[in-house]
């Protein structure tokens, strides 16, 4: 039996599949770049909003093992990752931390 977090995440994944997600493509790419750059795998597992949005972003970019990712969005993701190579964190990075109460 699924726990309540899994059921809630599934609901938002279904909404994304029909185009009813509140996340834009940029939001998805930025969120995954943020996660790739600054976080460990278990640090945020109890933050429902963050877990849900990461799952939606993963679905949108089609980055599951063995799948062909969405090439256009992977290019955007890579652009956001390059922004993180700078000494100053971009505004979107700070907004993610604020949105999910991470710092």
C-alpha atoms as a PDB file:
ATOM      1  CA  UNK A   1       0.000   0.000   0.000  1.00  0.00           C
ATOM      2  CA  UNK A   2       1.287   3.474  -0.877  1.00  0.00           C
ATOM      3  CA  UNK A   3       1.919   6.052   1.798  1.00  0.00           C
ATOM      4  CA  UNK A   4       0.127   9.401   1.688  1.00  0.00           C
ATOM      5  CA  UNK A   5       3.158  11.219   0.235  1.00  0.00           C
ATOM      6  CA  UNK A   6       3.351   8.790  -2.696  1.00  0.00           C
ATOM      7  CA  UNK A   7      -0.361   9.149  -3.400  1.00  0.00           C
ATOM      8  CA  UNK A   8      -0.075  12.941  -3.292  1.00  0.00           C
ATOM      9  CA  UNK A   9       2.921  12.920  -5.621  1.00  0.00           C
ATOM     10  CA  UNK A  10       1.074  10.624  -8.042  1.00  0.00           C
ATOM     11  CA  UNK A  11      -1.806  13.109  -8.129  1.00  0.00           C
ATOM     12  CA  UNK A  12       0.505  15.974  -9.138  1.00  0.00           C
ATOM     13  CA  UNK A  13       2.280  13.796 -11.701  1.00  0.00           C
ATOM     14  CA  UNK A  14      -1.096  13.071 -13.277  1.00  0.00           C
ATOM     15  CA  UNK A  15      -1.908  16.791 -13.354  1.00  0.00           C
ATOM     16  CA  UNK A  16       1.381  17.464 -15.118  1.00  0.00           C
ATOM     17  CA  UNK A  17       0.635  14.813 -17.738  1.00  0.00           C
ATOM     18  CA  UNK A  18      -2.557  16.635 -18.706  1.00  0.00           C
ATOM     19  CA  UNK A  19      -0.828  20.030 -18.721  1.00  0.00           C
ATOM     20  CA  UNK A  20      -2.299  21.283 -15.442  1.00  0.00           C
ATOM     21  CA  UNK A  21       0.942  21.691 -13.485  1.00  0.00           C
ATOM     22  CA  UNK A  22       1.841  25.002 -11.896  1.00  0.00           C
ATOM     23  CA  UNK A  23       5.503  24.454 -12.831  1.00  0.00           C
ATOM     24  CA  UNK A  24       6.922  25.902 -16.033  1.00  0.00           C
ATOM     25  CA  UNK A  25       9.631  24.183 -18.043  1.00  0.00           C
ATOM     26  CA  UNK A  26      12.117  26.714 -16.649  1.00  0.00           C
ATOM     27  CA  UNK A  27      10.956  25.924 -13.094  1.00  0.00           C
ATOM     28  CA  UNK A  28      11.578  22.233 -13.717  1.00  0.00           C
ATOM     29  CA  UNK A  29      15.035  22.775 -15.196  1.00  0.00           C
ATOM     30  CA  UNK A  30      16.037  25.209 -12.449  1.00  0.00           C
ATOM     31  CA  UNK A  31      14.840  22.903  -9.714  1.00  0.00           C
ATOM     32  CA  UNK A  32      16.802  19.956 -11.089  1.00  0.00           C
ATOM     33  CA  UNK A  33      19.899  22.149 -11.574  1.00  0.00           C
ATOM     34  CA  UNK A  34      19.554  23.321  -7.964  1.00  0.00           C
ATOM     35  CA  UNK A  35      19.263  19.743  -6.761  1.00  0.00           C
ATOM     36  CA  UNK A  36      22.202  18.635  -8.906  1.00  0.00           C
ATOM     37  CA  UNK A  37      24.365  21.483  -7.613  1.00  0.00           C
ATOM     38  CA  UNK A  38      23.611  21.889  -3.950  1.00  0.00           C
ATOM     39  CA  UNK A  39      21.832  18.993  -2.299  1.00  0.00           C
ATOM     40  CA  UNK A  40      22.326  15.489  -1.022  1.00  0.00           C
ATOM     41  CA  UNK A  41      19.816  12.795  -1.830  1.00  0.00           C
ATOM     42  CA  UNK A  42      18.153  12.485   1.572  1.00  0.00           C
ATOM     43  CA  UNK A  43      18.248  16.026   2.960  1.00  0.00           C
ATOM     44  CA  UNK A  44      14.757  17.001   1.838  1.00  0.00           C
ATOM     45  CA  UNK A  45      12.761  13.774   1.709  1.00  0.00           C
ATOM     46  CA  UNK A  46      10.214  15.003   4.255  1.00  0.00           C
ATOM     47  CA  UNK A  47       9.463  18.217   2.321  1.00  0.00           C
ATOM     48  CA  UNK A  48       6.348  17.212   0.360  1.00  0.00           C
ATOM     49  CA  UNK A  49       6.253  20.291  -1.881  1.00  0.00           C
ATOM     50  CA  UNK A  50       9.884  19.845  -2.885  1.00  0.00           C
ATOM     51  CA  UNK A  51       9.659  16.082  -3.455  1.00  0.00           C
ATOM     52  CA  UNK A  52       6.482  16.543  -5.495  1.00  0.00           C
ATOM     53  CA  UNK A  53       8.011  19.255  -7.673  1.00  0.00           C
ATOM     54  CA  UNK A  54      11.223  17.274  -8.208  1.00  0.00           C
ATOM     55  CA  UNK A  55       9.158  14.285  -9.363  1.00  0.00           C
ATOM     56  CA  UNK A  56       7.155  16.506 -11.731  1.00  0.00           C
ATOM     57  CA  UNK A  57      10.411  17.992 -13.067  1.00  0.00           C
ATOM     58  CA  UNK A  58      11.864  14.522 -13.551  1.00  0.00           C
ATOM     59  CA  UNK A  59       8.756  13.479 -15.467  1.00  0.00           C
ATOM     60  CA  UNK A  60       8.760  16.650 -17.590  1.00  0.00           C
ATOM     61  CA  UNK A  61      12.396  16.160 -18.611  1.00  0.00           C
ATOM     62  CA  UNK A  62      11.826  12.403 -18.987  1.00  0.00           C
ATOM     63  CA  UNK A  63      14.951  11.580 -17.021  1.00  0.00           C
ATOM     64  CA  UNK A  64      14.213   8.117 -15.794  1.00  0.00           C
ATOM     65  CA  UNK A  65      16.797   5.391 -16.166  1.00  0.00           C
ATOM     66  CA  UNK A  66      16.813   3.955 -19.675  1.00  0.00           C
ATOM     67  CA  UNK A  67      14.541   6.668 -21.129  1.00  0.00           C
ATOM     68  CA  UNK A  68      15.321   9.175 -23.850  1.00  0.00           C
ATOM     69  CA  UNK A  69      15.264  12.584 -22.175  1.00  0.00           C
ATOM     70  CA  UNK A  70      13.542  15.666 -23.564  1.00  0.00           C
ATOM     71  CA  UNK A  71      16.483  17.138 -25.513  1.00  0.00           C
ATOM     72  CA  UNK A  72      15.209  20.729 -25.503  1.00  0.00           C
ATOM     73  CA  UNK A  73      14.714  20.733 -21.748  1.00  0.00           C
ATOM     74  CA  UNK A  74      18.038  19.017 -21.106  1.00  0.00           C
ATOM     75  CA  UNK A  75      19.690  21.896 -22.985  1.00  0.00           C
ATOM     76  CA  UNK A  76      17.884  24.376 -20.693  1.00  0.00           C
ATOM     77  CA  UNK A  77      18.901  22.327 -17.655  1.00  0.00           C
ATOM     78  CA  UNK A  78      22.540  22.465 -18.794  1.00  0.00           C
ATOM     79  CA  UNK A  79      22.305  26.254 -19.224  1.00  0.00           C
ATOM     80  CA  UNK A  80      21.046  26.623 -15.654  1.00  0.00           C
ATOM     81  CA  UNK A  81      23.828  24.325 -14.426  1.00  0.00           C
ATOM     82  CA  UNK A  82      26.392  26.569 -16.148  1.00  0.00           C
ATOM     83  CA  UNK A  83      24.938  29.583 -14.309  1.00  0.00           C
ATOM     84  CA  UNK A  84      25.781  27.794 -11.078  1.00  0.00           C
ATOM     85  CA  UNK A  85      29.463  27.696 -12.018  1.00  0.00           C
ATOM     86  CA  UNK A  86      29.615  31.437 -11.260  1.00  0.00           C
ATOM     87  CA  UNK A  87      30.704  32.788  -7.883  1.00  0.00           C
ATOM     88  CA  UNK A  88      27.311  34.382  -7.193  1.00  0.00           C
ATOM     89  CA  UNK A  89      24.154  32.297  -6.928  1.00  0.00           C
ATOM     90  CA  UNK A  90      21.553  33.378  -9.487  1.00  0.00           C
ATOM     91  CA  UNK A  91      18.246  34.808  -8.278  1.00  0.00           C
ATOM     92  CA  UNK A  92      16.284  31.704  -9.267  1.00  0.00           C
ATOM     93  CA  UNK A  93      18.519  29.577  -7.005  1.00  0.00           C
ATOM     94  CA  UNK A  94      17.757  31.796  -4.014  1.00  0.00           C
ATOM     95  CA  UNK A  95      14.040  31.784  -4.881  1.00  0.00           C
ATOM     96  CA  UNK A  96      14.013  27.973  -4.797  1.00  0.00           C
ATOM     97  CA  UNK A  97      15.517  28.023  -1.315  1.00  0.00           C
ATOM     98  CA  UNK A  98      12.893  30.527  -0.177  1.00  0.00           C
ATOM     99  CA  UNK A  99       9.966  28.727  -1.821  1.00  0.00           C
ATOM    100  CA  UNK A 100      10.772  25.446  -0.095  1.00  0.00           C
ATOM    101  CA  UNK A 101      12.071  26.959   3.193  1.00  0.00           C
ATOM    102  CA  UNK A 102      15.520  25.447   2.758  1.00  0.00           C
ATOM    103  CA  UNK A 103      17.841  28.011   4.348  1.00  0.00           C
END
